[in-house]
């Protein structure tokens, strides 16, 4: 929502987020890597997409000077990023606990 309200470009979130995910891969436990990227796909399921996308398009339509079509673009990638980073961080904690 902050991206829509303050007109922050999408790439300012996507590039650092996915670079962080790629950088966390070597430090995370092997079993958690597949689960992390799979959970990103699960998080973009029918409930999250329909609710959050319609909410974002509605907010963009309510703010003067915003285009709901272009401002809603990329929201699914942001929804998928949160569980990927969370599960990779959990994999790092698990790997540390194993030592």
C-alpha atoms as a PDB file:
ATOM      1  CA  UNK A   1       0.000   0.000   0.000  1.00  0.00           C
ATOM      2  CA  UNK A   2       2.868   2.386   0.710  1.00  0.00           C
ATOM      3  CA  UNK A   3       4.015   1.838  -2.851  1.00  0.00           C
ATOM      4  CA  UNK A   4       0.643   2.987  -4.155  1.00  0.00           C
ATOM      5  CA  UNK A   5       0.138   5.888  -1.778  1.00  0.00           C
ATOM      6  CA  UNK A   6       3.608   7.380  -2.160  1.00  0.00           C
ATOM      7  CA  UNK A   7       4.079   6.410  -5.844  1.00  0.00           C
ATOM      8  CA  UNK A   8       7.224   4.372  -5.211  1.00  0.00           C
ATOM      9  CA  UNK A   9       8.342   2.477  -8.338  1.00  0.00           C
ATOM     10  CA  UNK A  10       7.762  -1.273  -8.273  1.00  0.00           C
ATOM     11  CA  UNK A  11      11.382  -2.101  -9.057  1.00  0.00           C
ATOM     12  CA  UNK A  12      12.523  -0.452  -5.809  1.00  0.00           C
ATOM     13  CA  UNK A  13      10.834  -3.354  -4.015  1.00  0.00           C
ATOM     14  CA  UNK A  14      11.229  -6.229  -6.451  1.00  0.00           C
ATOM     15  CA  UNK A  15      14.932  -6.012  -7.284  1.00  0.00           C
ATOM     16  CA  UNK A  16      16.233  -5.777  -3.688  1.00  0.00           C
ATOM     17  CA  UNK A  17      13.702  -8.355  -2.507  1.00  0.00           C
ATOM     18  CA  UNK A  18      14.546 -11.025  -5.027  1.00  0.00           C
ATOM     19  CA  UNK A  19      18.279 -10.261  -4.809  1.00  0.00           C
ATOM     20  CA  UNK A  20      18.004 -10.806  -1.066  1.00  0.00           C
ATOM     21  CA  UNK A  21      16.240 -14.118  -1.704  1.00  0.00           C
ATOM     22  CA  UNK A  22      18.996 -15.213  -4.077  1.00  0.00           C
ATOM     23  CA  UNK A  23      21.694 -14.150  -1.615  1.00  0.00           C
ATOM     24  CA  UNK A  24      20.027 -16.121   1.197  1.00  0.00           C
ATOM     25  CA  UNK A  25      20.024 -19.366  -0.809  1.00  0.00           C
ATOM     26  CA  UNK A  26      23.560 -20.551   0.107  1.00  0.00           C
ATOM     27  CA  UNK A  27      22.970 -19.877   3.807  1.00  0.00           C
ATOM     28  CA  UNK A  28      19.617 -21.617   4.084  1.00  0.00           C
ATOM     29  CA  UNK A  29      19.095 -25.321   4.664  1.00  0.00           C
ATOM     30  CA  UNK A  30      18.622 -27.294   1.436  1.00  0.00           C
ATOM     31  CA  UNK A  31      15.177 -28.603   2.316  1.00  0.00           C
ATOM     32  CA  UNK A  32      13.867 -25.113   2.963  1.00  0.00           C
ATOM     33  CA  UNK A  33      14.843 -23.701  -0.437  1.00  0.00           C
ATOM     34  CA  UNK A  34      12.228 -25.657  -2.384  1.00  0.00           C
ATOM     35  CA  UNK A  35       9.631 -25.031   0.277  1.00  0.00           C
ATOM     36  CA  UNK A  36      10.374 -21.293   0.195  1.00  0.00           C
ATOM     37  CA  UNK A  37       9.762 -20.829  -3.509  1.00  0.00           C
ATOM     38  CA  UNK A  38       6.779 -23.162  -3.435  1.00  0.00           C
ATOM     39  CA  UNK A  39       5.252 -21.167  -0.591  1.00  0.00           C
ATOM     40  CA  UNK A  40       5.594 -18.060  -2.735  1.00  0.00           C
ATOM     41  CA  UNK A  41       3.355 -19.711  -5.292  1.00  0.00           C
ATOM     42  CA  UNK A  42       0.893 -20.866  -2.658  1.00  0.00           C
ATOM     43  CA  UNK A  43       0.629 -17.374  -1.170  1.00  0.00           C
ATOM     44  CA  UNK A  44      -0.640 -16.028  -4.476  1.00  0.00           C
ATOM     45  CA  UNK A  45      -3.676 -18.255  -4.311  1.00  0.00           C
ATOM     46  CA  UNK A  46      -7.227 -17.310  -5.156  1.00  0.00           C
ATOM     47  CA  UNK A  47      -8.052 -15.640  -1.839  1.00  0.00           C
ATOM     48  CA  UNK A  48      -4.975 -13.421  -1.631  1.00  0.00           C
ATOM     49  CA  UNK A  49      -5.081 -12.375  -5.253  1.00  0.00           C
ATOM     50  CA  UNK A  50      -8.761 -11.512  -5.350  1.00  0.00           C
ATOM     51  CA  UNK A  51      -8.746  -9.628  -2.058  1.00  0.00           C
ATOM     52  CA  UNK A  52      -5.418  -7.802  -2.202  1.00  0.00           C
ATOM     53  CA  UNK A  53      -5.467  -7.032  -5.899  1.00  0.00           C
ATOM     54  CA  UNK A  54      -8.964  -5.566  -5.724  1.00  0.00           C
ATOM     55  CA  UNK A  55      -7.939  -3.580  -2.635  1.00  0.00           C
ATOM     56  CA  UNK A  56      -4.865  -2.180  -4.398  1.00  0.00           C
ATOM     57  CA  UNK A  57      -6.789  -1.331  -7.565  1.00  0.00           C
ATOM     58  CA  UNK A  58      -9.446   0.389  -5.444  1.00  0.00           C
ATOM     59  CA  UNK A  59      -6.837   2.441  -3.594  1.00  0.00           C
ATOM     60  CA  UNK A  60      -5.162   3.397  -6.870  1.00  0.00           C
ATOM     61  CA  UNK A  61      -8.523   4.418  -8.334  1.00  0.00           C
ATOM     62  CA  UNK A  62      -9.247   6.565  -5.275  1.00  0.00           C
ATOM     63  CA  UNK A  63      -5.996   8.515  -5.440  1.00  0.00           C
ATOM     64  CA  UNK A  64      -5.966  11.323  -7.964  1.00  0.00           C
ATOM     65  CA  UNK A  65      -3.379  10.934 -10.703  1.00  0.00           C
ATOM     66  CA  UNK A  66      -2.960   7.163 -10.327  1.00  0.00           C
ATOM     67  CA  UNK A  67      -3.805   4.582 -12.965  1.00  0.00           C
ATOM     68  CA  UNK A  68      -5.361   1.486 -11.355  1.00  0.00           C
ATOM     69  CA  UNK A  69      -4.158  -0.816 -14.136  1.00  0.00           C
ATOM     70  CA  UNK A  70      -0.491   0.145 -14.016  1.00  0.00           C
ATOM     71  CA  UNK A  71      -0.339   0.692 -10.248  1.00  0.00           C
ATOM     72  CA  UNK A  72      -1.858  -2.719  -9.550  1.00  0.00           C
ATOM     73  CA  UNK A  73       0.712  -4.383 -11.798  1.00  0.00           C
ATOM     74  CA  UNK A  74       3.376  -6.299  -9.895  1.00  0.00           C
ATOM     75  CA  UNK A  75       1.413  -6.703  -6.705  1.00  0.00           C
ATOM     76  CA  UNK A  76       1.346 -10.494  -7.093  1.00  0.00           C
ATOM     77  CA  UNK A  77       5.154 -10.553  -7.222  1.00  0.00           C
ATOM     78  CA  UNK A  78       5.237  -8.614  -3.968  1.00  0.00           C
ATOM     79  CA  UNK A  79       2.737 -10.992  -2.377  1.00  0.00           C
ATOM     80  CA  UNK A  80       4.924 -13.950  -3.379  1.00  0.00           C
ATOM     81  CA  UNK A  81       8.099 -12.333  -2.027  1.00  0.00           C
ATOM     82  CA  UNK A  82       7.118 -12.264   1.649  1.00  0.00           C
ATOM     83  CA  UNK A  83       6.793 -16.038   2.234  1.00  0.00           C
ATOM     84  CA  UNK A  84       9.937 -16.721   0.189  1.00  0.00           C
ATOM     85  CA  UNK A  85      12.035 -14.479   2.417  1.00  0.00           C
ATOM     86  CA  UNK A  86      10.360 -15.773   5.578  1.00  0.00           C
ATOM     87  CA  UNK A  87      10.946 -19.453   4.822  1.00  0.00           C
ATOM     88  CA  UNK A  88      14.537 -18.819   3.714  1.00  0.00           C
ATOM     89  CA  UNK A  89      15.166 -17.000   6.998  1.00  0.00           C
ATOM     90  CA  UNK A  90      13.646 -19.958   8.833  1.00  0.00           C
ATOM     91  CA  UNK A  91      15.990 -22.259   6.889  1.00  0.00           C
ATOM     92  CA  UNK A  92      18.962 -20.193   8.060  1.00  0.00           C
ATOM     93  CA  UNK A  93      17.806 -20.446  11.661  1.00  0.00           C
ATOM     94  CA  UNK A  94      17.265 -24.196  11.281  1.00  0.00           C
ATOM     95  CA  UNK A  95      20.749 -24.643   9.825  1.00  0.00           C
ATOM     96  CA  UNK A  96      22.268 -22.731  12.746  1.00  0.00           C
ATOM     97  CA  UNK A  97      20.330 -24.818  15.252  1.00  0.00           C
ATOM     98  CA  UNK A  98      21.627 -28.013  13.608  1.00  0.00           C
ATOM     99  CA  UNK A  99      25.238 -27.031  14.301  1.00  0.00           C
END
